[in-house]
């Protein structure tokens, strides 16, 4: 089953639709200068007891025990991520190279994870550490087929519209909330391609939630310089096949596939 993708050239045809929808819903669109560059700080929260609850090979007793034992730990702060963007390109990665426990007693090196998109050149570069290796994905931009909804909510001080799609590789429902006041098609994780910056991403009804905590609109030319990256070079199709095989083999062996790949 293939992922519902389309070549870049995303979203701009929706702009008029979004504006008309907002007006029809009775919302006022502020007339202000639109900013197209800056840094967004996100909180990435992974609710692994919810992910485990979807594993068909676990019994109800095992799922309940995991939730009872570990569920409270998921209420703590998530991982800080950052998106540096302008209207031509974006870089998404960890806020810091070092992870740290809540009490500050333990720290560790974050795994390699960086996503670079060049909208102007239709270019994608991703650096992923997973399955015991580091991969360097280089290909053209491809995005999901988004369906824009008429719901809105406030995120980090911006009125955001809802959009949905589906990841057929991981069998996940994807919900994004994007701010049309920031008319850039960038977003967190592997998701982008809407007529506005994605400020919240919900993967599979709350299994993973990535929410903007702070939006700084400023010049970011120096922040969009790519670091040196190493890894086994692959294309989008290779990456998808790698994920599909790993997920299938893991479920067959009654293992959680997401211990070694990003959800």
Protein backbone atom coordinates (compact mmCIF):
# COMPACT_ATOMS: atom_id res chain seq x y z
CA UNK A 1 0.00 0.00 0.00
CA UNK A 2 1.63 3.24 -1.05
CA UNK A 3 1.79 6.47 0.90
CA UNK A 4 -0.57 9.17 -0.48
CA UNK A 5 2.05 11.60 -1.73
CA UNK A 6 2.26 14.33 -4.30
CA UNK A 7 5.13 16.28 -5.76
CA UNK A 8 5.92 19.65 -4.23
CA UNK A 9 4.04 22.66 -5.54
CA UNK A 10 1.89 22.45 -2.46
CA UNK A 11 -0.91 24.29 -0.88
CA UNK A 12 -1.08 27.69 -2.52
CA UNK A 13 -4.28 26.85 -4.36
CA UNK A 14 -5.87 26.43 -0.92
CA UNK A 15 -5.12 29.95 0.22
CA UNK A 16 -8.33 31.45 -1.13
CA UNK A 17 -10.34 28.54 0.23
CA UNK A 18 -8.89 29.02 3.71
CA UNK A 19 -9.67 32.74 3.72
CA UNK A 20 -13.25 32.19 2.54
CA UNK A 21 -13.75 29.48 5.15
CA UNK A 22 -12.57 31.76 7.95
CA UNK A 23 -14.83 34.59 6.78
CA UNK A 24 -17.81 32.26 6.44
CA UNK A 25 -17.17 30.99 9.96
CA UNK A 26 -17.34 34.53 11.32
CA UNK A 27 -13.66 34.95 12.19
CA UNK A 28 -11.79 38.17 11.55
CA UNK A 29 -8.45 37.89 9.79
CA UNK A 30 -6.04 40.54 11.09
CA UNK A 31 -4.55 42.77 8.43
CA UNK A 32 -0.88 42.69 9.34
CA UNK A 33 2.42 42.24 7.57
CA UNK A 34 3.09 38.55 7.04
CA UNK A 35 6.44 37.28 8.31
CA UNK A 36 8.19 34.48 6.45
CA UNK A 37 11.28 33.70 8.53
CA UNK A 38 12.08 32.82 12.11
CA UNK A 39 12.51 30.02 14.65
CA UNK A 40 9.81 27.88 16.24
CA UNK A 41 10.50 25.99 19.47
CA UNK A 42 8.35 22.86 19.80
CA UNK A 43 7.67 20.39 22.56
CA UNK A 44 7.70 16.80 21.28
CA UNK A 45 5.70 14.46 23.54
CA UNK A 46 5.69 10.70 22.95
CA UNK A 47 2.98 8.79 24.82
CA UNK A 48 4.45 5.32 24.59
CA UNK A 49 1.74 3.65 26.70
CA UNK A 50 -0.76 4.75 24.02
CA UNK A 51 1.51 3.36 21.33
CA UNK A 52 1.78 0.05 23.23
CA UNK A 53 -2.00 -0.11 23.58
CA UNK A 54 -2.22 -0.48 19.78
CA UNK A 55 0.04 -3.56 19.70
CA UNK A 56 -2.28 -6.48 18.97
CA UNK A 57 0.07 -9.11 20.41
CA UNK A 58 -0.09 -7.61 23.94
CA UNK A 59 -2.85 -8.75 26.28
CA UNK A 60 -5.21 -6.30 27.96
CA UNK A 61 -3.57 -7.12 31.32
CA UNK A 62 -0.12 -6.27 29.93
CA UNK A 63 -1.37 -2.97 28.50
CA UNK A 64 -3.13 -2.02 31.75
CA UNK A 65 -0.03 -2.85 33.79
CA UNK A 66 2.17 -0.67 31.57
CA UNK A 67 -0.25 2.22 31.84
CA UNK A 68 -0.49 1.89 35.62
CA UNK A 69 3.28 1.61 36.07
CA UNK A 70 4.53 4.17 33.58
CA UNK A 71 1.56 6.36 32.65
CA UNK A 72 2.33 9.12 35.17
CA UNK A 73 5.84 9.59 33.76
CA UNK A 74 4.33 10.76 30.48
CA UNK A 75 2.92 13.87 32.18
CA UNK A 76 6.39 15.42 32.40
CA UNK A 77 8.00 17.79 29.91
CA UNK A 78 8.67 16.54 26.41
CA UNK A 79 11.72 16.90 24.17
CA UNK A 80 12.49 20.36 22.83
CA UNK A 81 12.79 20.63 19.05
CA UNK A 82 13.31 23.64 16.80
CA UNK A 83 12.40 24.63 13.27
CA UNK A 84 14.42 27.35 11.57
CA UNK A 85 12.68 28.58 8.44
CA UNK A 86 12.18 31.17 5.74
CA UNK A 87 10.08 31.10 2.58
CA UNK A 88 12.79 29.20 0.68
CA UNK A 89 14.08 26.56 3.10
CA UNK A 90 13.83 25.08 6.59
CA UNK A 91 15.83 22.97 9.08
CA UNK A 92 14.17 20.89 11.80
CA UNK A 93 16.22 19.20 14.52
CA UNK A 94 16.75 18.92 18.27
CA UNK A 95 16.87 22.17 20.21
CA UNK A 96 20.10 20.97 21.81
CA UNK A 97 22.60 18.23 20.96
CA UNK A 98 22.40 17.05 24.57
CA UNK A 99 19.33 15.57 26.24
CA UNK A 100 18.89 15.97 30.00
CA UNK A 101 16.73 14.40 32.69
CA UNK A 102 14.18 16.55 34.57
CA UNK A 103 16.41 16.77 37.67
CA UNK A 104 19.51 17.62 35.62
CA UNK A 105 21.47 14.66 36.98
CA UNK A 106 21.71 12.76 33.71
CA UNK A 107 22.52 13.87 30.20
CA UNK A 108 23.03 12.08 26.91
CA UNK A 109 23.80 12.70 23.26
CA UNK A 110 20.73 13.06 21.12
CA UNK A 111 20.52 10.69 18.16
CA UNK A 112 21.21 12.12 14.72
CA UNK A 113 17.97 13.65 13.47
CA UNK A 114 17.81 16.58 11.06
CA UNK A 115 15.38 17.39 8.26
CA UNK A 116 16.30 19.99 5.65
CA UNK A 117 13.89 21.19 2.99
CA UNK A 118 14.67 23.56 0.16
CA UNK A 119 11.31 24.65 -1.27
CA UNK A 120 12.89 26.75 -3.99
CA UNK A 121 15.03 23.89 -5.35
CA UNK A 122 12.51 21.11 -4.50
CA UNK A 123 15.20 19.39 -2.44
CA UNK A 124 15.08 17.19 0.65
CA UNK A 125 17.92 16.05 2.93
CA UNK A 126 17.26 13.99 6.06
CA UNK A 127 19.79 12.64 8.57
CA UNK A 128 18.27 9.79 10.65
CA UNK A 129 19.88 7.54 13.23
CA UNK A 130 17.75 4.40 13.48
CA UNK A 131 17.92 0.61 13.38
CA UNK A 132 21.52 0.78 14.56
CA UNK A 133 22.68 2.88 11.59
CA UNK A 134 22.73 6.48 10.40
CA UNK A 135 20.99 7.19 7.09
CA UNK A 136 21.31 10.18 4.79
CA UNK A 137 18.18 10.55 2.68
CA UNK A 138 18.57 12.84 -0.35
CA UNK A 139 15.68 13.24 -2.76
CA UNK A 140 13.13 15.65 -4.18
CA UNK A 141 10.39 17.02 -1.92
CA UNK A 142 7.26 14.96 -1.57
CA UNK A 143 4.32 15.78 0.65
CA UNK A 144 1.11 14.17 1.81
CA UNK A 145 -2.28 14.94 0.27
CA UNK A 146 -3.76 17.14 2.97
CA UNK A 147 -7.49 17.68 3.53
CA UNK A 148 -8.14 21.09 5.07
CA UNK A 149 -10.94 21.22 7.64
CA UNK A 150 -12.96 24.22 8.88
CA UNK A 151 -11.92 23.98 12.57
CA UNK A 152 -9.59 26.54 14.12
CA UNK A 153 -7.76 26.99 17.44
CA UNK A 154 -5.12 29.22 18.99
CA UNK A 155 -1.56 27.91 19.19
CA UNK A 156 1.29 30.09 20.47
CA UNK A 157 -0.80 33.20 19.78
CA UNK A 158 -1.72 32.29 16.20
CA UNK A 159 -5.10 31.30 14.77
CA UNK A 160 -4.50 27.89 13.20
CA UNK A 161 -6.59 25.81 10.83
CA UNK A 162 -6.86 22.04 10.92
CA UNK A 163 -5.72 19.66 8.19
CA UNK A 164 -5.61 15.87 8.06
CA UNK A 165 -3.87 13.15 6.08
CA UNK A 166 -2.87 9.51 6.48
CA UNK A 167 0.50 7.77 6.58
CA UNK A 168 -0.05 4.42 4.89
CA UNK A 169 3.47 3.19 5.70
CA UNK A 170 3.01 3.47 9.46
CA UNK A 171 -0.80 3.22 9.38
CA UNK A 172 -1.17 6.55 11.21
CA UNK A 173 -3.71 9.35 11.10
CA UNK A 174 -1.93 12.72 10.90
CA UNK A 175 -3.54 15.95 12.12
CA UNK A 176 -1.82 19.30 11.61
CA UNK A 177 -2.73 22.82 12.71
CA UNK A 178 -1.22 25.53 10.51
CA UNK A 179 -1.01 29.32 10.76
CA UNK A 180 -1.85 31.06 7.52
CA UNK A 181 -0.51 34.32 8.98
CA UNK A 182 2.93 32.74 8.50
CA UNK A 183 2.65 31.75 4.79
CA UNK A 184 5.48 29.23 4.74
CA UNK A 185 4.92 25.55 3.90
CA UNK A 186 7.33 24.26 6.56
CA UNK A 187 6.53 22.08 9.54
CA UNK A 188 7.91 19.74 12.23
CA UNK A 189 8.96 16.12 11.79
CA UNK A 190 8.43 14.81 8.24
CA UNK A 191 5.31 16.89 7.63
CA UNK A 192 4.92 20.06 5.59
CA UNK A 193 3.15 21.29 2.48
CA UNK A 194 0.28 23.37 3.85
CA UNK A 195 -0.48 27.05 3.03
CA UNK A 196 0.92 28.13 6.38
CA UNK A 197 3.47 27.08 9.00
CA UNK A 198 2.48 23.95 10.97
CA UNK A 199 2.44 24.86 14.68
CA UNK A 200 1.00 21.60 16.00
CA UNK A 201 1.21 18.02 14.81
CA UNK A 202 -0.84 15.16 16.25
CA UNK A 203 0.16 11.66 15.17
CA UNK A 204 -2.42 8.90 15.54
CA UNK A 205 -4.89 10.66 17.85
CA UNK A 206 -2.41 11.70 20.52
CA UNK A 207 0.29 9.01 20.38
CA UNK A 208 2.77 11.78 19.58
CA UNK A 209 1.99 15.49 19.86
CA UNK A 210 4.40 18.19 18.68
CA UNK A 211 3.28 21.68 19.77
CA UNK A 212 4.85 25.10 19.21
CA UNK A 213 5.81 26.72 22.51
CA UNK A 214 7.45 29.83 21.08
CA UNK A 215 7.49 31.53 17.68
CA UNK A 216 10.26 34.06 17.01
CA UNK A 217 9.98 35.95 13.73
CA UNK A 218 13.43 37.24 12.85
CA UNK A 219 16.27 36.96 10.34
CA UNK A 220 17.68 33.43 10.34
CA UNK A 221 20.16 33.35 7.46
CA UNK A 222 22.96 31.99 9.69
CA UNK A 223 20.65 29.37 11.16
CA UNK A 224 19.97 27.79 7.77
CA UNK A 225 23.53 26.66 7.09
CA UNK A 226 23.63 22.87 6.94
CA UNK A 227 26.10 21.08 9.21
CA UNK A 228 28.29 18.26 7.92
CA UNK A 229 26.33 15.01 7.86
CA UNK A 230 27.32 11.40 7.32
CA UNK A 231 25.30 8.26 6.73
CA UNK A 232 24.24 5.61 4.25
CA UNK A 233 22.63 7.39 1.31
CA UNK A 234 19.09 6.36 0.39
CA UNK A 235 16.07 7.71 -1.51
CA UNK A 236 12.46 8.17 -0.40
CA UNK A 237 11.37 4.82 -1.85
CA UNK A 238 14.26 2.99 -0.14
CA UNK A 239 13.41 4.64 3.16
CA UNK A 240 9.74 3.66 2.91
CA UNK A 241 10.58 0.06 2.09
CA UNK A 242 13.03 -0.06 5.01
CA UNK A 243 10.31 1.11 7.39
CA UNK A 244 7.67 -1.24 5.99
CA UNK A 245 9.92 -4.29 6.35
CA UNK A 246 11.02 -3.33 9.86
CA UNK A 247 7.44 -2.75 11.07
CA UNK A 248 6.21 -6.02 9.52
CA UNK A 249 9.10 -8.07 10.92
CA UNK A 250 8.77 -6.50 14.38
CA UNK A 251 5.03 -7.14 14.67
CA UNK A 252 5.53 -10.71 13.44
CA UNK A 253 8.18 -11.23 16.14
CA UNK A 254 5.90 -9.54 18.73
CA UNK A 255 8.22 -6.58 19.26
CA UNK A 256 7.34 -2.88 19.38
CA UNK A 257 8.78 -1.51 16.09
CA UNK A 258 9.01 2.01 17.48
CA UNK A 259 11.76 1.26 19.97
CA UNK A 260 14.25 1.64 17.12
CA UNK A 261 12.55 4.05 14.69
CA UNK A 262 10.92 7.44 15.19
CA UNK A 263 7.15 7.32 15.58
